[in-house]
Amino acid sequence: MDREQVLERMRREKIIAIVRGVETASIGGVALALAAGGITCMEITVDHRTQDGPEETYRSIAWLRERMGEAVCLGAGTVLDEEETRRAVAAGADYIISPNLDEGVIRLTRELGKVSIPGTFTPSEAVQAYRWGADIVKLFPAGLLGPDYIKALKGPLPHIPFCAVGGITPENAGDFIRAGCVSLGIGGNLVNLTAVREKRFGDLTAAARRFAAGAADLEIDLIHQDNQDKN
């Protein structure tokens, strides 16, 4: 997929599943379970816990890309430097997500034709990220900041697309979208590692359906509200 196709898919689905700490042997089951529940945007996070962790991440990305193709909108998360960016893109990542703000990572991601989603916390960081070429600006940890923080940011910064990450639940997801986020990154509340280890992939599908259904209902409400505002 090209950049615009990736961005359109993210805006349409609104949910990016954060897949962290899942071994390559289980990655296919996780991806299929999430897709069955209506979520196909998946961020495979670079594992920095061990020396071999990043290599395992690239193998997982390559495995999914080879076997699922464009059935998944596949990204790499927790990308900290340019070397990790190159490796993730070479493995098949459509987008690069970071917990921090790094000019080199943003510019290289754009040079490679991929979607850039760097992490920020403050208005100054958000503006700088967008100036350097970020396609979407990640706000982390969103659960601590709350929807009102995003709503306040959107006042002076309506042109910057935001993705809220950290502490997103089925109960507050709609509030973050209504506050102005174009997408949400969801980890443990969607990809439960205990369920993965026990191969209870049906639990992941059920969680995905809850989030996906909520996003779909909210999209209808937002379209209805927009039409009312225009009339």
C-alpha atoms as a PDB file:
ATOM      1  CA  MET A   1       0.000   0.000   0.000  1.00  0.00           C
ATOM      2  CA  ASP A   2       1.117   3.550  -0.624  1.00  0.00           C
ATOM      3  CA  ARG A   3       1.073   6.229   2.080  1.00  0.00           C
ATOM      4  CA  GLU A   4      -2.359   7.592   1.212  1.00  0.00           C
ATOM      5  CA  GLN A   5      -3.906   4.125   1.242  1.00  0.00           C
ATOM      6  CA  VAL A   6      -2.396   3.438   4.658  1.00  0.00           C
ATOM      7  CA  LEU A   7      -3.642   6.746   6.062  1.00  0.00           C
ATOM      8  CA  GLU A   8      -7.121   6.192   4.653  1.00  0.00           C
ATOM      9  CA  ARG A   9      -7.288   2.740   6.206  1.00  0.00           C
ATOM     10  CA  MET A  10      -6.230   4.095   9.588  1.00  0.00           C
ATOM     11  CA  ARG A  11      -8.832   6.849   9.438  1.00  0.00           C
ATOM     12  CA  ARG A  12     -11.520   4.381   8.409  1.00  0.00           C
ATOM     13  CA  GLU A  13     -10.778   1.673  11.000  1.00  0.00           C
ATOM     14  CA  LYS A  14      -9.650   4.129  13.712  1.00  0.00           C
ATOM     15  CA  ILE A  15      -8.049   1.331  15.766  1.00  0.00           C
ATOM     16  CA  ILE A  16      -4.374   0.296  15.624  1.00  0.00           C
ATOM     17  CA  ALA A  17      -3.721  -2.898  17.581  1.00  0.00           C
ATOM     18  CA  ILE A  18      -0.423  -2.728  19.479  1.00  0.00           C
ATOM     19  CA  VAL A  19       1.114  -6.206  19.401  1.00  0.00           C
ATOM     20  CA  ARG A  20       3.857  -6.274  22.028  1.00  0.00           C
ATOM     21  CA  GLY A  21       5.803  -9.256  23.369  1.00  0.00           C
ATOM     22  CA  VAL A  22       4.277 -11.839  21.016  1.00  0.00           C
ATOM     23  CA  GLU A  23       6.651 -14.443  19.571  1.00  0.00           C
ATOM     24  CA  THR A  24       6.780 -15.044  15.833  1.00  0.00           C
ATOM     25  CA  ALA A  25       5.276 -18.506  16.368  1.00  0.00           C
ATOM     26  CA  SER A  26       2.064 -16.888  17.653  1.00  0.00           C
ATOM     27  CA  ILE A  27       1.969 -13.771  15.493  1.00  0.00           C
ATOM     28  CA  GLY A  28      -0.167 -15.349  12.775  1.00  0.00           C
ATOM     29  CA  GLY A  29      -2.832 -16.467  15.228  1.00  0.00           C
ATOM     30  CA  VAL A  30      -2.958 -12.990  16.741  1.00  0.00           C
ATOM     31  CA  ALA A  31      -3.253 -11.281  13.355  1.00  0.00           C
ATOM     32  CA  LEU A  32      -5.992 -13.624  12.156  1.00  0.00           C
ATOM     33  CA  ALA A  33      -7.910 -13.228  15.416  1.00  0.00           C
ATOM     34  CA  LEU A  34      -7.782  -9.430  15.250  1.00  0.00           C
ATOM     35  CA  ALA A  35      -8.747  -9.374  11.573  1.00  0.00           C
ATOM     36  CA  ALA A  36     -11.697 -11.671  12.305  1.00  0.00           C
ATOM     37  CA  GLY A  37     -12.865  -9.041  14.783  1.00  0.00           C
ATOM     38  CA  GLY A  38     -12.575  -6.224  12.265  1.00  0.00           C
ATOM     39  CA  ILE A  39      -9.162  -4.763  13.125  1.00  0.00           C
ATOM     40  CA  THR A  40      -6.480  -5.048  10.444  1.00  0.00           C
ATOM     41  CA  CYS A  41      -4.134  -2.191  11.406  1.00  0.00           C
ATOM     42  CA  MET A  42      -1.451  -3.782  13.569  1.00  0.00           C
ATOM     43  CA  GLU A  43       1.702  -2.334  15.114  1.00  0.00           C
ATOM     44  CA  ILE A  44       4.388  -4.902  15.916  1.00  0.00           C
ATOM     45  CA  THR A  45       6.582  -3.277  18.548  1.00  0.00           C
ATOM     46  CA  VAL A  46      10.359  -3.561  18.459  1.00  0.00           C
ATOM     47  CA  ASP A  47      11.353  -5.627  21.488  1.00  0.00           C
ATOM     48  CA  HIS A  48      14.256  -3.911  23.280  1.00  0.00           C
ATOM     49  CA  ARG A  49      14.223  -6.205  26.319  1.00  0.00           C
ATOM     50  CA  THR A  50      16.908  -8.521  24.930  1.00  0.00           C
ATOM     51  CA  GLN A  51      19.714  -8.244  22.406  1.00  0.00           C
ATOM     52  CA  ASP A  52      17.887 -10.534  19.982  1.00  0.00           C
ATOM     53  CA  GLY A  53      14.516  -8.864  20.541  1.00  0.00           C
ATOM     54  CA  PRO A  54      14.634  -6.489  17.563  1.00  0.00           C
ATOM     55  CA  GLU A  55      15.513  -9.343  15.187  1.00  0.00           C
ATOM     56  CA  GLU A  56      12.484 -11.277  16.438  1.00  0.00           C
ATOM     57  CA  THR A  57      10.345  -8.231  15.681  1.00  0.00           C
ATOM     58  CA  TYR A  58      11.621  -7.946  12.110  1.00  0.00           C
ATOM     59  CA  ARG A  59      10.987 -11.665  11.592  1.00  0.00           C
ATOM     60  CA  SER A  60       7.417 -11.248  12.790  1.00  0.00           C
ATOM     61  CA  ILE A  61       6.812  -8.320  10.453  1.00  0.00           C
ATOM     62  CA  ALA A  62       8.307 -10.192   7.493  1.00  0.00           C
ATOM     63  CA  TRP A  63       6.295 -13.326   8.343  1.00  0.00           C
ATOM     64  CA  LEU A  64       3.018 -11.410   8.380  1.00  0.00           C
ATOM     65  CA  ARG A  65       3.814  -9.438   5.256  1.00  0.00           C
ATOM     66  CA  GLU A  66       4.686 -12.570   3.287  1.00  0.00           C
ATOM     67  CA  ARG A  67       1.636 -14.549   4.368  1.00  0.00           C
ATOM     68  CA  MET A  68      -1.075 -11.911   4.745  1.00  0.00           C
ATOM     69  CA  GLY A  69      -0.024  -9.250   2.259  1.00  0.00           C
ATOM     70  CA  GLU A  70      -2.315  -6.226   2.256  1.00  0.00           C
ATOM     71  CA  ALA A  71      -4.938  -8.011   4.327  1.00  0.00           C
ATOM     72  CA  VAL A  72      -3.120  -6.324   7.204  1.00  0.00           C
ATOM     73  CA  CYS A  73      -2.002  -2.708   7.471  1.00  0.00           C
ATOM     74  CA  LEU A  74       1.280  -3.497   9.149  1.00  0.00           C
ATOM     75  CA  GLY A  75       3.518  -1.166  11.123  1.00  0.00           C
ATOM     76  CA  ALA A  76       6.497  -1.221  13.469  1.00  0.00           C
ATOM     77  CA  GLY A  77       6.282   0.393  16.902  1.00  0.00           C
ATOM     78  CA  THR A  78       8.748   1.543  19.563  1.00  0.00           C
ATOM     79  CA  VAL A  79      11.161   2.457  16.760  1.00  0.00           C
ATOM     80  CA  LEU A  80      13.932   4.528  18.350  1.00  0.00           C
ATOM     81  CA  ASP A  81      16.493   5.240  15.632  1.00  0.00           C
ATOM     82  CA  GLU A  82      17.177   5.283  11.908  1.00  0.00           C
ATOM     83  CA  GLU A  83      18.683   1.792  11.784  1.00  0.00           C
ATOM     84  CA  GLU A  84      15.532   0.316  13.313  1.00  0.00           C
ATOM     85  CA  THR A  85      13.505   2.323  10.814  1.00  0.00           C
ATOM     86  CA  ARG A  86      15.417   0.863   7.871  1.00  0.00           C
ATOM     87  CA  ARG A  87      15.173  -2.684   9.211  1.00  0.00           C
ATOM     88  CA  ALA A  88      11.446  -2.422   9.888  1.00  0.00           C
ATOM     89  CA  VAL A  89      10.681  -1.004   6.447  1.00  0.00           C
ATOM     90  CA  ALA A  90      12.858  -3.652   4.794  1.00  0.00           C
ATOM     91  CA  ALA A  91      10.851  -6.308   6.661  1.00  0.00           C
ATOM     92  CA  GLY A  92       7.598  -4.900   5.285  1.00  0.00           C
ATOM     93  CA  ALA A  93       6.308  -2.199   7.646  1.00  0.00           C
ATOM     94  CA  ASP A  94       3.855   0.296   6.127  1.00  0.00           C
ATOM     95  CA  TYR A  95       4.319   2.804   8.944  1.00  0.00           C
ATOM     96  CA  ILE A  96       6.724   3.666  11.749  1.00  0.00           C
ATOM     97  CA  ILE A  97       5.537   4.532  15.260  1.00  0.00           C
ATOM     98  CA  SER A  98       7.807   5.832  18.024  1.00  0.00           C
ATOM     99  CA  PRO A  99       7.295   6.653  21.713  1.00  0.00           C
ATOM    100  CA  ASN A 100       9.489   9.724  21.294  1.00  0.00           C
ATOM    101  CA  LEU A 101      10.245  12.587  18.914  1.00  0.00           C
ATOM    102  CA  ASP A 102      13.266  12.020  16.642  1.00  0.00           C
ATOM    103  CA  GLU A 103      13.840  14.151  13.553  1.00  0.00           C
ATOM    104  CA  GLY A 104      16.022  11.543  11.835  1.00  0.00           C
ATOM    105  CA  VAL A 105      13.404   8.809  12.205  1.00  0.00           C
ATOM    106  CA  ILE A 106      10.628  11.055  10.874  1.00  0.00           C
ATOM    107  CA  ARG A 107      12.598  12.273   7.862  1.00  0.00           C
ATOM    108  CA  LEU A 108      13.921   8.814   6.958  1.00  0.00           C
ATOM    109  CA  THR A 109      10.449   7.298   7.236  1.00  0.00           C
ATOM    110  CA  ARG A 110       9.108   9.865   4.782  1.00  0.00           C
ATOM    111  CA  GLU A 111      12.101   9.394   2.459  1.00  0.00           C
ATOM    112  CA  LEU A 112      11.305   5.678   2.368  1.00  0.00           C
ATOM    113  CA  GLY A 113       7.715   6.461   1.407  1.00  0.00           C
ATOM    114  CA  LYS A 114       6.158   5.258   4.653  1.00  0.00           C
ATOM    115  CA  VAL A 115       3.767   6.805   7.173  1.00  0.00           C
ATOM    116  CA  SER A 116       5.412   8.534  10.144  1.00  0.00           C
ATOM    117  CA  ILE A 117       3.750   8.546  13.589  1.00  0.00           C
ATOM    118  CA  PRO A 118       6.177   9.909  16.225  1.00  0.00           C
ATOM    119  CA  GLY A 119       5.366  10.175  19.911  1.00  0.00           C
ATOM    120  CA  THR A 120       4.782  13.514  21.643  1.00  0.00           C
ATOM    121  CA  PHE A 121       3.458  14.859  24.935  1.00  0.00           C
ATOM    122  CA  THR A 122       3.374  18.660  24.652  1.00  0.00           C
ATOM    123  CA  PRO A 123       1.982  21.161  22.117  1.00  0.00           C
ATOM    124  CA  SER A 124       5.524  22.233  21.196  1.00  0.00           C
ATOM    125  CA  GLU A 125       6.521  18.638  20.454  1.00  0.00           C
ATOM    126  CA  ALA A 126       3.370  18.092  18.391  1.00  0.00           C
ATOM    127  CA  VAL A 127       4.047  21.171  16.262  1.00  0.00           C
ATOM    128  CA  GLN A 128       7.703  20.215  15.772  1.00  0.00           C
ATOM    129  CA  ALA A 129       6.773  16.659  14.781  1.00  0.00           C
ATOM    130  CA  TYR A 130       4.360  17.930  12.146  1.00  0.00           C
ATOM    131  CA  ARG A 131       6.919  20.418  10.796  1.00  0.00           C
ATOM    132  CA  TRP A 132       9.466  17.610  10.407  1.00  0.00           C
ATOM    133  CA  GLY A 133       6.992  15.608   8.332  1.00  0.00           C
ATOM    134  CA  ALA A 134       4.888  13.475  10.679  1.00  0.00           C
ATOM    135  CA  ASP A 135       1.705  12.224   9.019  1.00  0.00           C
ATOM    136  CA  ILE A 136      -0.044  11.616  12.343  1.00  0.00           C
ATOM    137  CA  VAL A 137       1.167  12.768  15.753  1.00  0.00           C
ATOM    138  CA  LYS A 138       0.968  10.223  18.561  1.00  0.00           C
ATOM    139  CA  LEU A 139      -0.030  11.511  22.003  1.00  0.00           C
ATOM    140  CA  PHE A 140       1.353   9.306  24.748  1.00  0.00           C
ATOM    141  CA  PRO A 141       0.377   8.436  27.434  1.00  0.00           C
ATOM    142  CA  ALA A 142      -3.149   9.468  26.465  1.00  0.00           C
ATOM    143  CA  GLY A 143      -4.784   7.836  29.472  1.00  0.00           C
ATOM    144  CA  LEU A 144      -2.986  10.244  31.801  1.00  0.00           C
ATOM    145  CA  LEU A 145      -3.711  13.249  29.587  1.00  0.00           C
ATOM    146  CA  GLY A 146      -7.391  12.507  28.968  1.00  0.00           C
ATOM    147  CA  PRO A 147      -9.747  13.496  26.130  1.00  0.00           C
ATOM    148  CA  ASP A 148     -10.014  17.085  27.384  1.00  0.00           C
ATOM    149  CA  TYR A 149      -6.288  17.574  26.771  1.00  0.00           C
ATOM    150  CA  ILE A 150      -6.713  16.517  23.142  1.00  0.00           C
ATOM    151  CA  LYS A 151      -9.758  18.725  22.737  1.00  0.00           C
ATOM    152  CA  ALA A 152      -7.720  21.649  24.063  1.00  0.00           C
ATOM    153  CA  LEU A 153      -4.875  20.889  21.630  1.00  0.00           C
ATOM    154  CA  LYS A 154      -7.239  20.734  18.661  1.00  0.00           C
ATOM    155  CA  GLY A 155      -8.309  24.321  19.336  1.00  0.00           C
ATOM    156  CA  PRO A 156      -5.061  25.986  18.196  1.00  0.00           C
ATOM    157  CA  LEU A 157      -3.851  22.935  16.214  1.00  0.00           C
ATOM    158  CA  PRO A 158      -6.855  21.781  14.137  1.00  0.00           C
ATOM    159  CA  HIS A 159      -4.602  20.861  11.191  1.00  0.00           C
ATOM    160  CA  ILE A 160      -2.599  18.220  13.082  1.00  0.00           C
ATOM    161  CA  PRO A 161      -4.013  14.653  13.070  1.00  0.00           C
ATOM    162  CA  PHE A 162      -3.603  12.986  16.471  1.00  0.00           C
ATOM    163  CA  CYS A 163      -3.473   9.333  17.531  1.00  0.00           C
ATOM    164  CA  ALA A 164      -4.085   8.654  21.231  1.00  0.00           C
ATOM    165  CA  VAL A 165      -2.065   5.802  22.743  1.00  0.00           C
ATOM    166  CA  GLY A 166      -1.941   4.446  26.290  1.00  0.00           C
ATOM    167  CA  GLY A 167      -4.875   3.732  28.571  1.00  0.00           C
ATOM    168  CA  ILE A 168      -7.520   3.416  25.839  1.00  0.00           C
ATOM    169  CA  THR A 169     -10.476   1.244  26.867  1.00  0.00           C
ATOM    170  CA  PRO A 170     -13.862   0.391  25.318  1.00  0.00           C
ATOM    171  CA  GLU A 171     -15.355   2.865  27.788  1.00  0.00           C
ATOM    172  CA  ASN A 172     -13.220   5.909  26.876  1.00  0.00           C
ATOM    173  CA  ALA A 173     -12.340   5.204  23.226  1.00  0.00           C
ATOM    174  CA  GLY A 174     -15.327   7.160  21.940  1.00  0.00           C
ATOM    175  CA  ASP A 175     -14.405  10.156  24.080  1.00  0.00           C
ATOM    176  CA  PHE A 176     -10.947  10.321  22.497  1.00  0.00           C
ATOM    177  CA  ILE A 177     -12.386  10.149  18.975  1.00  0.00           C
ATOM    178  CA  ARG A 178     -14.962  12.829  19.773  1.00  0.00           C
ATOM    179  CA  ALA A 179     -12.152  14.977  21.191  1.00  0.00           C
ATOM    180  CA  GLY A 180     -10.546  14.974  17.737  1.00  0.00           C
ATOM    181  CA  CYS A 181      -8.272  11.928  17.383  1.00  0.00           C
ATOM    182  CA  VAL A 182      -8.176  10.298  13.946  1.00  0.00           C
ATOM    183  CA  SER A 183      -7.037   6.971  15.401  1.00  0.00           C
ATOM    184  CA  LEU A 184      -6.313   5.129  18.640  1.00  0.00           C
ATOM    185  CA  GLY A 185      -3.472   2.766  19.534  1.00  0.00           C
ATOM    186  CA  ILE A 186      -4.631  -0.024  21.851  1.00  0.00           C
ATOM    187  CA  GLY A 187      -2.373  -2.612  23.467  1.00  0.00           C
ATOM    188  CA  GLY A 188      -3.144  -4.778  26.481  1.00  0.00           C
ATOM    189  CA  ASN A 189      -6.869  -4.006  26.478  1.00  0.00           C
ATOM    190  CA  LEU A 190      -7.015  -5.565  23.012  1.00  0.00           C
ATOM    191  CA  VAL A 191      -4.084  -8.000  22.769  1.00  0.00           C
ATOM    192  CA  ASN A 192      -4.105  -9.880  26.067  1.00  0.00           C
ATOM    193  CA  LEU A 193      -0.811 -11.761  26.410  1.00  0.00           C
ATOM    194  CA  THR A 194      -2.246 -14.374  28.753  1.00  0.00           C
ATOM    195  CA  ALA A 195      -4.867 -15.214  26.136  1.00  0.00           C
ATOM    196  CA  VAL A 196      -2.130 -15.382  23.494  1.00  0.00           C
ATOM    197  CA  ARG A 197       0.034 -17.731  25.570  1.00  0.00           C
ATOM    198  CA  GLU A 198      -2.967 -19.977  26.215  1.00  0.00           C
ATOM    199  CA  LYS A 199      -3.959 -19.765  22.534  1.00  0.00           C
ATOM    200  CA  ARG A 200      -7.374 -18.366  23.401  1.00  0.00           C
ATOM    201  CA  PHE A 201      -7.446 -16.344  20.198  1.00  0.00           C
ATOM    202  CA  GLY A 202     -11.229 -16.136  20.368  1.00  0.00           C
ATOM    203  CA  ASP A 203     -10.786 -13.728  23.289  1.00  0.00           C
ATOM    204  CA  LEU A 204      -8.806 -11.400  21.006  1.00  0.00           C
ATOM    205  CA  THR A 205     -11.481 -11.598  18.318  1.00  0.00           C
ATOM    206  CA  ALA A 206     -14.168 -10.732  20.866  1.00  0.00           C
ATOM    207  CA  ALA A 207     -12.170  -7.744  22.135  1.00  0.00           C
ATOM    208  CA  ALA A 208     -11.507  -6.583  18.572  1.00  0.00           C
ATOM    209  CA  ARG A 209     -15.209  -6.778  17.771  1.00  0.00           C
ATOM    210  CA  ARG A 210     -16.061  -4.599  20.772  1.00  0.00           C
ATOM    211  CA  PHE A 211     -13.597  -1.902  19.767  1.00  0.00           C
ATOM    212  CA  ALA A 212     -14.373  -2.126  16.031  1.00  0.00           C
ATOM    213  CA  ALA A 213     -18.133  -1.997  16.583  1.00  0.00           C
ATOM    214  CA  GLY A 214     -17.747   1.010  18.840  1.00  0.00           C
ATOM    215  CA  ALA A 215     -15.626   2.801  16.239  1.00  0.00           C
ATOM    216  CA  ALA A 216     -18.166   2.038  13.493  1.00  0.00           C
ATOM    217  CA  ASP A 217     -21.092   3.300  15.580  1.00  0.00           C
ATOM    218  CA  LEU A 218     -19.167   6.436  16.460  1.00  0.00           C
ATOM    219  CA  GLU A 219     -18.348   7.089  12.794  1.00  0.00           C
ATOM    220  CA  ILE A 220     -22.063   7.007  11.968  1.00  0.00           C
ATOM    221  CA  ASP A 221     -22.791   9.423  14.824  1.00  0.00           C
ATOM    222  CA  LEU A 222     -20.048  11.805  13.688  1.00  0.00           C
ATOM    223  CA  ILE A 223     -21.291  11.789  10.090  1.00  0.00           C
ATOM    224  CA  HIS A 224     -24.836  12.457  11.306  1.00  0.00           C
ATOM    225  CA  GLN A 225     -23.620  15.308  13.519  1.00  0.00           C
ATOM    226  CA  ASP A 226     -21.576  16.784  10.661  1.00  0.00           C
ATOM    227  CA  ASN A 227     -24.610  16.741   8.373  1.00  0.00           C
ATOM    228  CA  GLN A 228     -26.695  18.447  11.047  1.00  0.00           C
ATOM    229  CA  ASP A 229     -24.043  21.130  11.497  1.00  0.00           C
ATOM    230  CA  LYS A 230     -23.988  21.802   7.748  1.00  0.00           C
ATOM    231  CA  ASN A 231     -27.761  22.121   7.644  1.00  0.00           C
END
